N, C-alpha and C. Protein backbone atom coordinates (compact mmCIF):
# COMPACT_ATOMS: atom_id res chain seq x y z
N MET A 1 0.84 -1.17 0.00
CA MET A 1 0.00 0.00 0.00
C MET A 1 0.89 1.24 0.00
N SER A 2 0.58 2.16 -0.86
CA SER A 2 1.36 3.40 -0.92
C SER A 2 0.87 4.37 0.15
N ILE A 3 1.70 5.36 0.45
CA ILE A 3 1.31 6.37 1.43
C ILE A 3 0.08 7.12 0.94
N ALA A 4 0.01 7.39 -0.34
CA ALA A 4 -1.13 8.13 -0.89
C ALA A 4 -2.42 7.34 -0.70
N SER A 5 -2.41 6.02 -0.97
CA SER A 5 -3.63 5.24 -0.84
C SER A 5 -4.02 5.06 0.62
N ALA A 6 -3.03 5.09 1.54
CA ALA A 6 -3.33 4.94 2.96
C ALA A 6 -4.05 6.17 3.51
N CYS A 7 -3.95 7.31 2.82
CA CYS A 7 -4.57 8.54 3.29
C CYS A 7 -5.95 8.79 2.70
N VAL A 8 -6.37 7.96 1.77
CA VAL A 8 -7.68 8.14 1.15
C VAL A 8 -8.75 7.67 2.13
N PRO A 9 -9.70 8.53 2.49
CA PRO A 9 -10.73 8.11 3.44
C PRO A 9 -11.66 7.06 2.84
N VAL A 10 -12.08 6.13 3.68
CA VAL A 10 -13.06 5.12 3.27
C VAL A 10 -14.43 5.74 3.43
N PRO A 11 -15.32 5.58 2.44
CA PRO A 11 -16.63 6.22 2.53
C PRO A 11 -17.45 5.74 3.73
N SER A 12 -18.07 6.68 4.42
CA SER A 12 -19.00 6.38 5.51
C SER A 12 -20.39 6.30 4.90
N LEU A 13 -21.06 5.17 5.10
CA LEU A 13 -22.31 4.89 4.41
C LEU A 13 -23.45 4.66 5.39
N THR A 14 -24.65 5.03 4.97
CA THR A 14 -25.87 4.79 5.74
C THR A 14 -26.76 3.87 4.93
N GLY A 15 -27.35 2.88 5.60
CA GLY A 15 -28.20 1.90 4.93
C GLY A 15 -29.57 2.43 4.57
N LEU A 16 -30.44 1.50 4.19
CA LEU A 16 -31.80 1.81 3.74
C LEU A 16 -32.79 1.64 4.89
N ALA A 17 -33.91 2.32 4.78
CA ALA A 17 -34.98 2.20 5.79
C ALA A 17 -35.58 0.79 5.73
N PRO A 18 -36.09 0.31 6.86
CA PRO A 18 -36.69 -1.02 6.85
C PRO A 18 -37.98 -1.04 6.02
N VAL A 19 -38.24 -2.19 5.42
CA VAL A 19 -39.50 -2.44 4.72
C VAL A 19 -40.26 -3.41 5.61
N ILE A 20 -41.03 -2.87 6.53
CA ILE A 20 -41.78 -3.65 7.50
C ILE A 20 -43.09 -2.96 7.80
N ASP A 21 -44.03 -3.71 8.34
CA ASP A 21 -45.26 -3.12 8.86
C ASP A 21 -45.82 -4.04 9.93
N ALA A 22 -46.99 -3.71 10.45
CA ALA A 22 -47.57 -4.47 11.55
C ALA A 22 -47.96 -5.89 11.16
N THR A 23 -48.00 -6.20 9.87
CA THR A 23 -48.39 -7.55 9.43
C THR A 23 -47.18 -8.42 9.07
N THR A 24 -45.98 -7.90 9.22
CA THR A 24 -44.77 -8.65 8.87
C THR A 24 -44.64 -9.87 9.78
N ARG A 25 -44.58 -11.05 9.16
CA ARG A 25 -44.41 -12.32 9.89
C ARG A 25 -43.01 -12.89 9.71
N ILE A 26 -42.39 -12.55 8.55
CA ILE A 26 -41.05 -13.02 8.21
C ILE A 26 -40.22 -11.80 7.86
N LEU A 27 -39.05 -11.70 8.47
CA LEU A 27 -38.15 -10.59 8.17
C LEU A 27 -36.85 -11.17 7.61
N VAL A 28 -36.47 -10.69 6.44
CA VAL A 28 -35.20 -11.08 5.83
C VAL A 28 -34.19 -9.97 6.11
N LEU A 29 -33.12 -10.35 6.79
CA LEU A 29 -32.07 -9.39 7.12
C LEU A 29 -30.82 -9.68 6.31
N GLY A 30 -30.37 -8.70 5.56
CA GLY A 30 -29.09 -8.78 4.89
C GLY A 30 -28.03 -8.18 5.78
N SER A 31 -26.83 -8.05 5.27
CA SER A 31 -25.75 -7.45 6.05
C SER A 31 -25.81 -5.93 5.93
N PHE A 32 -25.57 -5.44 4.72
CA PHE A 32 -25.58 -4.01 4.42
C PHE A 32 -25.73 -3.89 2.91
N PRO A 33 -26.49 -2.90 2.41
CA PRO A 33 -26.69 -2.80 0.97
C PRO A 33 -25.38 -2.65 0.20
N GLY A 34 -25.31 -3.29 -0.94
CA GLY A 34 -24.17 -3.14 -1.84
C GLY A 34 -24.20 -1.79 -2.53
N ALA A 35 -23.15 -1.50 -3.26
CA ALA A 35 -23.02 -0.20 -3.94
C ALA A 35 -24.18 0.06 -4.89
N ALA A 36 -24.61 -0.95 -5.66
CA ALA A 36 -25.71 -0.77 -6.61
C ALA A 36 -27.01 -0.45 -5.87
N SER A 37 -27.24 -1.11 -4.75
CA SER A 37 -28.45 -0.86 -3.97
C SER A 37 -28.45 0.53 -3.34
N LEU A 38 -27.30 0.93 -2.81
CA LEU A 38 -27.21 2.27 -2.22
C LEU A 38 -27.41 3.35 -3.28
N ALA A 39 -26.79 3.15 -4.45
CA ALA A 39 -26.92 4.13 -5.54
C ALA A 39 -28.37 4.25 -6.01
N ALA A 40 -29.07 3.11 -6.05
CA ALA A 40 -30.46 3.11 -6.52
C ALA A 40 -31.45 3.43 -5.39
N GLY A 41 -31.01 3.32 -4.13
CA GLY A 41 -31.92 3.49 -3.01
C GLY A 41 -32.91 2.35 -2.95
N GLN A 42 -32.48 1.15 -3.35
CA GLN A 42 -33.36 -0.02 -3.44
C GLN A 42 -32.66 -1.25 -2.86
N TYR A 43 -33.41 -2.04 -2.13
CA TYR A 43 -32.86 -3.31 -1.65
C TYR A 43 -32.59 -4.24 -2.82
N TYR A 44 -31.43 -4.86 -2.81
CA TYR A 44 -31.04 -5.91 -3.77
C TYR A 44 -31.20 -5.44 -5.22
N ALA A 45 -30.60 -4.29 -5.52
CA ALA A 45 -30.73 -3.68 -6.84
C ALA A 45 -29.77 -4.26 -7.87
N HIS A 46 -28.72 -4.95 -7.43
CA HIS A 46 -27.77 -5.52 -8.40
C HIS A 46 -28.53 -6.50 -9.29
N PRO A 47 -28.43 -6.38 -10.62
CA PRO A 47 -29.23 -7.23 -11.52
C PRO A 47 -28.96 -8.73 -11.39
N ARG A 48 -27.81 -9.11 -10.84
CA ARG A 48 -27.52 -10.54 -10.70
C ARG A 48 -27.80 -11.06 -9.29
N ASN A 49 -28.26 -10.19 -8.39
CA ASN A 49 -28.62 -10.67 -7.06
C ASN A 49 -29.89 -11.52 -7.19
N LEU A 50 -29.92 -12.63 -6.52
CA LEU A 50 -31.02 -13.59 -6.66
C LEU A 50 -32.15 -13.41 -5.67
N LEU A 51 -32.11 -12.39 -4.81
CA LEU A 51 -33.17 -12.25 -3.82
C LEU A 51 -34.55 -12.15 -4.45
N TRP A 52 -34.72 -11.25 -5.41
CA TRP A 52 -36.06 -11.05 -5.98
C TRP A 52 -36.55 -12.27 -6.74
N PRO A 53 -35.71 -12.95 -7.53
CA PRO A 53 -36.19 -14.20 -8.14
C PRO A 53 -36.55 -15.27 -7.09
N ILE A 54 -35.79 -15.35 -6.01
CA ILE A 54 -36.11 -16.33 -4.96
C ILE A 54 -37.42 -15.96 -4.27
N LEU A 55 -37.59 -14.70 -3.92
CA LEU A 55 -38.84 -14.29 -3.27
C LEU A 55 -40.03 -14.45 -4.22
N SER A 56 -39.79 -14.29 -5.51
CA SER A 56 -40.86 -14.53 -6.49
C SER A 56 -41.31 -15.98 -6.42
N GLN A 57 -40.36 -16.89 -6.34
CA GLN A 57 -40.69 -18.31 -6.25
C GLN A 57 -41.41 -18.62 -4.92
N LEU A 58 -40.94 -18.04 -3.84
CA LEU A 58 -41.54 -18.33 -2.52
C LEU A 58 -42.95 -17.80 -2.39
N THR A 59 -43.22 -16.65 -3.00
CA THR A 59 -44.55 -16.04 -2.88
C THR A 59 -45.50 -16.47 -3.98
N GLY A 60 -44.98 -17.04 -5.06
CA GLY A 60 -45.82 -17.39 -6.20
C GLY A 60 -46.25 -16.17 -7.01
N GLU A 61 -45.55 -15.08 -6.83
CA GLU A 61 -45.85 -13.82 -7.52
C GLU A 61 -44.57 -13.29 -8.14
N ASP A 62 -44.63 -12.81 -9.37
CA ASP A 62 -43.44 -12.34 -10.07
C ASP A 62 -43.00 -10.97 -9.55
N LEU A 63 -42.46 -10.96 -8.34
CA LEU A 63 -41.97 -9.72 -7.75
C LEU A 63 -40.82 -9.15 -8.55
N ALA A 64 -39.95 -10.04 -9.06
CA ALA A 64 -38.79 -9.60 -9.84
C ALA A 64 -39.20 -8.85 -11.10
N GLY A 65 -40.37 -9.15 -11.63
CA GLY A 65 -40.84 -8.51 -12.85
C GLY A 65 -41.54 -7.18 -12.62
N LEU A 66 -41.78 -6.83 -11.36
CA LEU A 66 -42.47 -5.58 -11.05
C LEU A 66 -41.48 -4.44 -10.89
N PRO A 67 -41.91 -3.20 -11.16
CA PRO A 67 -41.07 -2.05 -10.81
C PRO A 67 -40.84 -2.06 -9.30
N TYR A 68 -39.70 -1.57 -8.86
CA TYR A 68 -39.33 -1.65 -7.45
C TYR A 68 -40.41 -1.09 -6.52
N ASP A 69 -40.97 0.07 -6.87
CA ASP A 69 -41.97 0.68 -5.98
C ASP A 69 -43.25 -0.14 -5.88
N GLU A 70 -43.46 -1.08 -6.78
CA GLU A 70 -44.61 -1.99 -6.68
C GLU A 70 -44.24 -3.29 -5.97
N ARG A 71 -42.96 -3.63 -5.95
CA ARG A 71 -42.51 -4.87 -5.28
C ARG A 71 -42.75 -4.80 -3.77
N LEU A 72 -42.40 -3.67 -3.18
CA LEU A 72 -42.41 -3.58 -1.73
C LEU A 72 -43.79 -3.79 -1.12
N PRO A 73 -44.84 -3.11 -1.61
CA PRO A 73 -46.16 -3.39 -1.02
C PRO A 73 -46.63 -4.82 -1.28
N ARG A 74 -46.25 -5.39 -2.42
CA ARG A 74 -46.63 -6.79 -2.70
C ARG A 74 -45.90 -7.74 -1.75
N LEU A 75 -44.63 -7.46 -1.48
CA LEU A 75 -43.86 -8.28 -0.55
C LEU A 75 -44.49 -8.20 0.84
N LEU A 76 -44.82 -7.00 1.28
CA LEU A 76 -45.47 -6.82 2.58
C LEU A 76 -46.82 -7.53 2.63
N ALA A 77 -47.53 -7.56 1.50
CA ALA A 77 -48.83 -8.25 1.46
C ALA A 77 -48.66 -9.75 1.73
N HIS A 78 -47.48 -10.27 1.47
CA HIS A 78 -47.18 -11.68 1.75
C HIS A 78 -46.61 -11.86 3.17
N GLY A 79 -46.56 -10.77 3.94
CA GLY A 79 -46.08 -10.85 5.32
C GLY A 79 -44.57 -10.90 5.43
N ILE A 80 -43.87 -10.48 4.38
CA ILE A 80 -42.41 -10.55 4.36
C ILE A 80 -41.83 -9.13 4.34
N GLY A 81 -40.87 -8.88 5.21
CA GLY A 81 -40.20 -7.59 5.27
C GLY A 81 -38.71 -7.72 4.96
N LEU A 82 -38.07 -6.60 4.74
CA LEU A 82 -36.64 -6.54 4.44
C LEU A 82 -35.97 -5.48 5.30
N TRP A 83 -34.75 -5.79 5.71
CA TRP A 83 -33.93 -4.82 6.42
C TRP A 83 -32.52 -5.36 6.42
N ASP A 84 -31.62 -4.69 7.08
CA ASP A 84 -30.24 -5.14 7.21
C ASP A 84 -29.84 -5.12 8.67
N VAL A 85 -28.87 -5.95 9.02
CA VAL A 85 -28.39 -5.96 10.40
C VAL A 85 -27.59 -4.70 10.70
N LEU A 86 -26.94 -4.14 9.69
CA LEU A 86 -26.15 -2.92 9.88
C LEU A 86 -26.88 -1.71 9.33
N GLY A 87 -26.85 -0.64 10.09
CA GLY A 87 -27.47 0.60 9.64
C GLY A 87 -26.46 1.57 9.05
N ALA A 88 -25.19 1.34 9.36
CA ALA A 88 -24.13 2.20 8.84
C ALA A 88 -22.80 1.46 8.93
N CYS A 89 -21.89 1.87 8.10
CA CYS A 89 -20.54 1.32 8.14
C CYS A 89 -19.65 2.15 7.22
N GLU A 90 -18.39 1.79 7.22
CA GLU A 90 -17.45 2.32 6.24
C GLU A 90 -17.09 1.17 5.33
N ARG A 91 -17.10 1.43 4.02
CA ARG A 91 -16.78 0.35 3.08
C ARG A 91 -16.50 0.94 1.71
N GLU A 92 -15.52 0.36 1.04
CA GLU A 92 -15.31 0.62 -0.39
C GLU A 92 -15.81 -0.59 -1.13
N GLY A 93 -16.59 -0.39 -2.17
CA GLY A 93 -17.14 -1.51 -2.93
C GLY A 93 -18.35 -2.11 -2.24
N SER A 94 -18.59 -3.40 -2.49
CA SER A 94 -19.80 -4.04 -1.99
C SER A 94 -19.56 -5.28 -1.14
N LEU A 95 -18.32 -5.71 -1.00
CA LEU A 95 -18.06 -6.95 -0.29
C LEU A 95 -18.19 -6.78 1.22
N ASP A 96 -18.83 -7.75 1.87
CA ASP A 96 -18.94 -7.72 3.32
C ASP A 96 -17.58 -7.72 3.99
N SER A 97 -16.62 -8.37 3.37
CA SER A 97 -15.27 -8.43 3.96
C SER A 97 -14.61 -7.06 4.02
N ALA A 98 -15.13 -6.08 3.27
CA ALA A 98 -14.57 -4.73 3.26
C ALA A 98 -15.23 -3.80 4.29
N ILE A 99 -16.23 -4.30 5.02
CA ILE A 99 -16.94 -3.48 6.01
C ILE A 99 -16.02 -3.14 7.17
N ARG A 100 -16.01 -1.86 7.51
CA ARG A 100 -15.26 -1.36 8.65
C ARG A 100 -16.20 -0.49 9.49
N ALA A 101 -15.92 -0.36 10.76
CA ALA A 101 -16.71 0.47 11.68
C ALA A 101 -18.21 0.19 11.56
N PRO A 102 -18.62 -1.08 11.68
CA PRO A 102 -20.04 -1.40 11.54
C PRO A 102 -20.86 -0.87 12.72
N ALA A 103 -22.07 -0.41 12.42
CA ALA A 103 -23.02 0.03 13.44
C ALA A 103 -24.34 -0.69 13.19
N ALA A 104 -24.77 -1.47 14.15
CA ALA A 104 -26.00 -2.25 13.99
C ALA A 104 -27.23 -1.35 13.94
N ASN A 105 -28.26 -1.82 13.23
CA ASN A 105 -29.54 -1.14 13.27
C ASN A 105 -30.13 -1.29 14.67
N ASP A 106 -31.05 -0.39 15.00
CA ASP A 106 -31.71 -0.42 16.31
C ASP A 106 -32.95 -1.31 16.21
N PHE A 107 -32.83 -2.50 16.77
CA PHE A 107 -33.93 -3.46 16.71
C PHE A 107 -34.79 -3.43 17.97
N ALA A 108 -34.58 -2.47 18.86
CA ALA A 108 -35.27 -2.43 20.15
C ALA A 108 -36.79 -2.37 20.00
N ARG A 109 -37.28 -1.69 19.00
CA ARG A 109 -38.73 -1.53 18.83
C ARG A 109 -39.32 -2.52 17.81
N LEU A 110 -38.53 -3.50 17.39
CA LEU A 110 -38.99 -4.42 16.33
C LEU A 110 -40.26 -5.14 16.73
N ARG A 111 -40.35 -5.67 17.95
CA ARG A 111 -41.55 -6.40 18.38
C ARG A 111 -42.77 -5.49 18.41
N GLU A 112 -42.56 -4.24 18.79
CA GLU A 112 -43.66 -3.25 18.80
C GLU A 112 -44.11 -2.92 17.38
N ARG A 113 -43.17 -2.76 16.48
CA ARG A 113 -43.48 -2.40 15.09
C ARG A 113 -44.01 -3.57 14.28
N CYS A 114 -43.60 -4.79 14.65
CA CYS A 114 -43.99 -6.00 13.92
C CYS A 114 -44.50 -7.04 14.92
N PRO A 115 -45.69 -6.85 15.49
CA PRO A 115 -46.15 -7.75 16.54
C PRO A 115 -46.39 -9.19 16.08
N LEU A 116 -46.54 -9.42 14.77
CA LEU A 116 -46.77 -10.77 14.25
C LEU A 116 -45.49 -11.47 13.82
N LEU A 117 -44.36 -10.77 13.94
CA LEU A 117 -43.10 -11.32 13.48
C LEU A 117 -42.74 -12.59 14.25
N GLU A 118 -42.48 -13.67 13.50
CA GLU A 118 -42.12 -14.95 14.09
C GLU A 118 -40.75 -15.43 13.62
N THR A 119 -40.45 -15.19 12.34
CA THR A 119 -39.25 -15.76 11.72
C THR A 119 -38.34 -14.66 11.20
N VAL A 120 -37.05 -14.79 11.50
CA VAL A 120 -36.06 -13.86 10.96
C VAL A 120 -35.05 -14.69 10.17
N GLY A 121 -34.96 -14.40 8.88
CA GLY A 121 -34.01 -15.08 8.01
C GLY A 121 -32.81 -14.19 7.76
N PHE A 122 -31.64 -14.80 7.72
CA PHE A 122 -30.39 -14.05 7.57
C PHE A 122 -29.77 -14.40 6.23
N ASN A 123 -29.70 -13.39 5.36
CA ASN A 123 -29.19 -13.55 4.00
C ASN A 123 -27.67 -13.50 4.01
N GLY A 124 -27.05 -14.66 4.21
CA GLY A 124 -25.60 -14.76 4.20
C GLY A 124 -24.98 -14.82 5.58
N LYS A 125 -23.68 -15.14 5.60
CA LYS A 125 -22.96 -15.38 6.85
C LYS A 125 -22.77 -14.13 7.69
N THR A 126 -22.52 -12.99 7.05
CA THR A 126 -22.30 -11.77 7.83
C THR A 126 -23.57 -11.41 8.60
N ALA A 127 -24.71 -11.44 7.94
CA ALA A 127 -25.98 -11.17 8.63
C ALA A 127 -26.24 -12.23 9.67
N GLY A 128 -25.90 -13.47 9.37
CA GLY A 128 -26.15 -14.59 10.26
C GLY A 128 -25.45 -14.48 11.61
N LYS A 129 -24.43 -13.65 11.71
CA LYS A 129 -23.75 -13.45 12.99
C LYS A 129 -24.70 -12.85 14.03
N PHE A 130 -25.80 -12.26 13.58
CA PHE A 130 -26.77 -11.65 14.49
C PHE A 130 -27.87 -12.62 14.90
N ALA A 131 -27.89 -13.82 14.34
CA ALA A 131 -28.95 -14.79 14.64
C ALA A 131 -29.10 -15.08 16.13
N PRO A 132 -28.02 -15.27 16.88
CA PRO A 132 -28.20 -15.58 18.31
C PRO A 132 -28.99 -14.53 19.07
N GLN A 133 -28.78 -13.25 18.77
CA GLN A 133 -29.51 -12.22 19.51
C GLN A 133 -31.00 -12.28 19.18
N PHE A 134 -31.36 -12.64 17.95
CA PHE A 134 -32.77 -12.76 17.60
C PHE A 134 -33.38 -14.03 18.18
N ALA A 135 -32.62 -15.10 18.22
CA ALA A 135 -33.08 -16.34 18.85
C ALA A 135 -33.31 -16.11 20.34
N ASP A 136 -32.41 -15.38 20.99
CA ASP A 136 -32.56 -15.06 22.41
C ASP A 136 -33.80 -14.21 22.67
N ALA A 137 -34.22 -13.43 21.67
CA ALA A 137 -35.41 -12.59 21.80
C ALA A 137 -36.69 -13.38 21.49
N GLY A 138 -36.54 -14.67 21.16
CA GLY A 138 -37.71 -15.51 20.96
C GLY A 138 -38.14 -15.71 19.52
N TYR A 139 -37.36 -15.22 18.58
CA TYR A 139 -37.71 -15.40 17.17
C TYR A 139 -37.13 -16.71 16.64
N ARG A 140 -37.83 -17.31 15.69
CA ARG A 140 -37.28 -18.44 14.94
C ARG A 140 -36.28 -17.85 13.96
N THR A 141 -35.08 -18.39 13.93
CA THR A 141 -34.05 -17.85 13.04
C THR A 141 -33.68 -18.89 11.99
N VAL A 142 -33.42 -18.41 10.78
CA VAL A 142 -33.06 -19.27 9.66
C VAL A 142 -31.84 -18.66 8.97
N LEU A 143 -30.73 -19.40 8.98
CA LEU A 143 -29.52 -18.96 8.28
C LEU A 143 -29.63 -19.39 6.83
N LEU A 144 -29.47 -18.46 5.92
CA LEU A 144 -29.71 -18.69 4.50
C LEU A 144 -28.46 -18.43 3.67
N PRO A 145 -28.31 -19.14 2.56
CA PRO A 145 -27.18 -18.83 1.67
C PRO A 145 -27.38 -17.46 1.04
N SER A 146 -26.30 -16.75 0.89
CA SER A 146 -26.35 -15.40 0.33
C SER A 146 -26.89 -15.42 -1.09
N THR A 147 -27.71 -14.42 -1.39
CA THR A 147 -28.23 -14.24 -2.75
C THR A 147 -27.30 -13.38 -3.60
N SER A 148 -26.22 -12.91 -3.01
CA SER A 148 -25.28 -12.04 -3.70
C SER A 148 -24.62 -12.75 -4.89
N PRO A 149 -24.38 -12.00 -5.97
CA PRO A 149 -23.64 -12.59 -7.10
C PRO A 149 -22.21 -12.95 -6.71
N ALA A 150 -21.71 -12.39 -5.60
CA ALA A 150 -20.37 -12.74 -5.14
C ALA A 150 -20.32 -14.16 -4.57
N TYR A 151 -21.49 -14.71 -4.22
CA TYR A 151 -21.55 -16.08 -3.72
C TYR A 151 -22.14 -16.96 -4.83
N ALA A 152 -21.27 -17.37 -5.72
CA ALA A 152 -21.70 -18.15 -6.89
C ALA A 152 -21.45 -19.64 -6.73
N ALA A 153 -20.97 -20.06 -5.56
CA ALA A 153 -20.63 -21.47 -5.34
C ALA A 153 -21.86 -22.37 -5.31
N MET A 154 -23.03 -21.79 -5.03
CA MET A 154 -24.26 -22.58 -4.93
C MET A 154 -25.21 -22.17 -6.06
N PRO A 155 -25.72 -23.13 -6.83
CA PRO A 155 -26.64 -22.79 -7.92
C PRO A 155 -28.00 -22.31 -7.40
N PHE A 156 -28.74 -21.64 -8.26
CA PHE A 156 -30.04 -21.07 -7.91
C PHE A 156 -30.96 -22.11 -7.28
N ALA A 157 -31.09 -23.27 -7.88
CA ALA A 157 -32.03 -24.28 -7.38
C ALA A 157 -31.69 -24.69 -5.95
N GLN A 158 -30.43 -24.77 -5.64
CA GLN A 158 -30.01 -25.15 -4.29
C GLN A 158 -30.28 -24.02 -3.30
N LYS A 159 -30.04 -22.79 -3.74
CA LYS A 159 -30.34 -21.64 -2.88
C LYS A 159 -31.84 -21.58 -2.61
N LEU A 160 -32.65 -21.76 -3.65
CA LEU A 160 -34.10 -21.72 -3.50
C LEU A 160 -34.57 -22.77 -2.49
N LEU A 161 -34.04 -23.96 -2.59
CA LEU A 161 -34.40 -25.03 -1.67
C LEU A 161 -34.10 -24.62 -0.22
N ALA A 162 -32.94 -24.03 0.00
CA ALA A 162 -32.58 -23.57 1.34
C ALA A 162 -33.50 -22.44 1.81
N TRP A 163 -33.84 -21.54 0.92
CA TRP A 163 -34.69 -20.40 1.28
C TRP A 163 -36.12 -20.83 1.59
N GLN A 164 -36.55 -21.98 1.08
CA GLN A 164 -37.90 -22.46 1.38
C GLN A 164 -38.09 -22.72 2.87
N ARG A 165 -36.99 -22.86 3.61
CA ARG A 165 -37.08 -23.04 5.06
C ARG A 165 -37.72 -21.84 5.75
N LEU A 166 -37.69 -20.68 5.11
CA LEU A 166 -38.35 -19.50 5.70
C LEU A 166 -39.83 -19.76 5.91
N LEU A 167 -40.43 -20.51 5.00
CA LEU A 167 -41.87 -20.73 5.05
C LEU A 167 -42.28 -21.93 5.90
N ALA A 168 -41.31 -22.73 6.33
CA ALA A 168 -41.61 -23.91 7.14
C ALA A 168 -42.04 -23.50 8.54
N ASP A 169 -42.87 -24.31 9.14
CA ASP A 169 -43.32 -24.04 10.51
C ASP A 169 -42.29 -24.48 11.52
């Protein structure tokens, strides 16, 4: 590393607002939005991210084919919400391994805001590090393979099979 590159500040980033309401029964938590999502102001905006195709399969509704502003109310109508475990961090690029100075979202009012919430799914290993705190709070937790295009080791069909555990009792 050169002296010049060591002096370049790492961007301080703020995440997206939660997509939840009083009818949310399942909450999918990612780690922190990638660069494409932050730029678009949309969850899972990278065109190769598999979240929307997977949620389309789980809900039986083509959420991936809808404009973003129509996806969110349809997702909520299925009792599914989205958020991230981190509300802010420093990071260059989109990789979780590049996250520095992480600050968790404030989940203190989650039960009040989502009284029907039963299941919290964690999209990838970084988000999954928060599973014990949600399990301790009485939620059913499901660790899920990442939908990120950076995690290409598992094919779509295998990821979908794992994600179906969100809907299991």
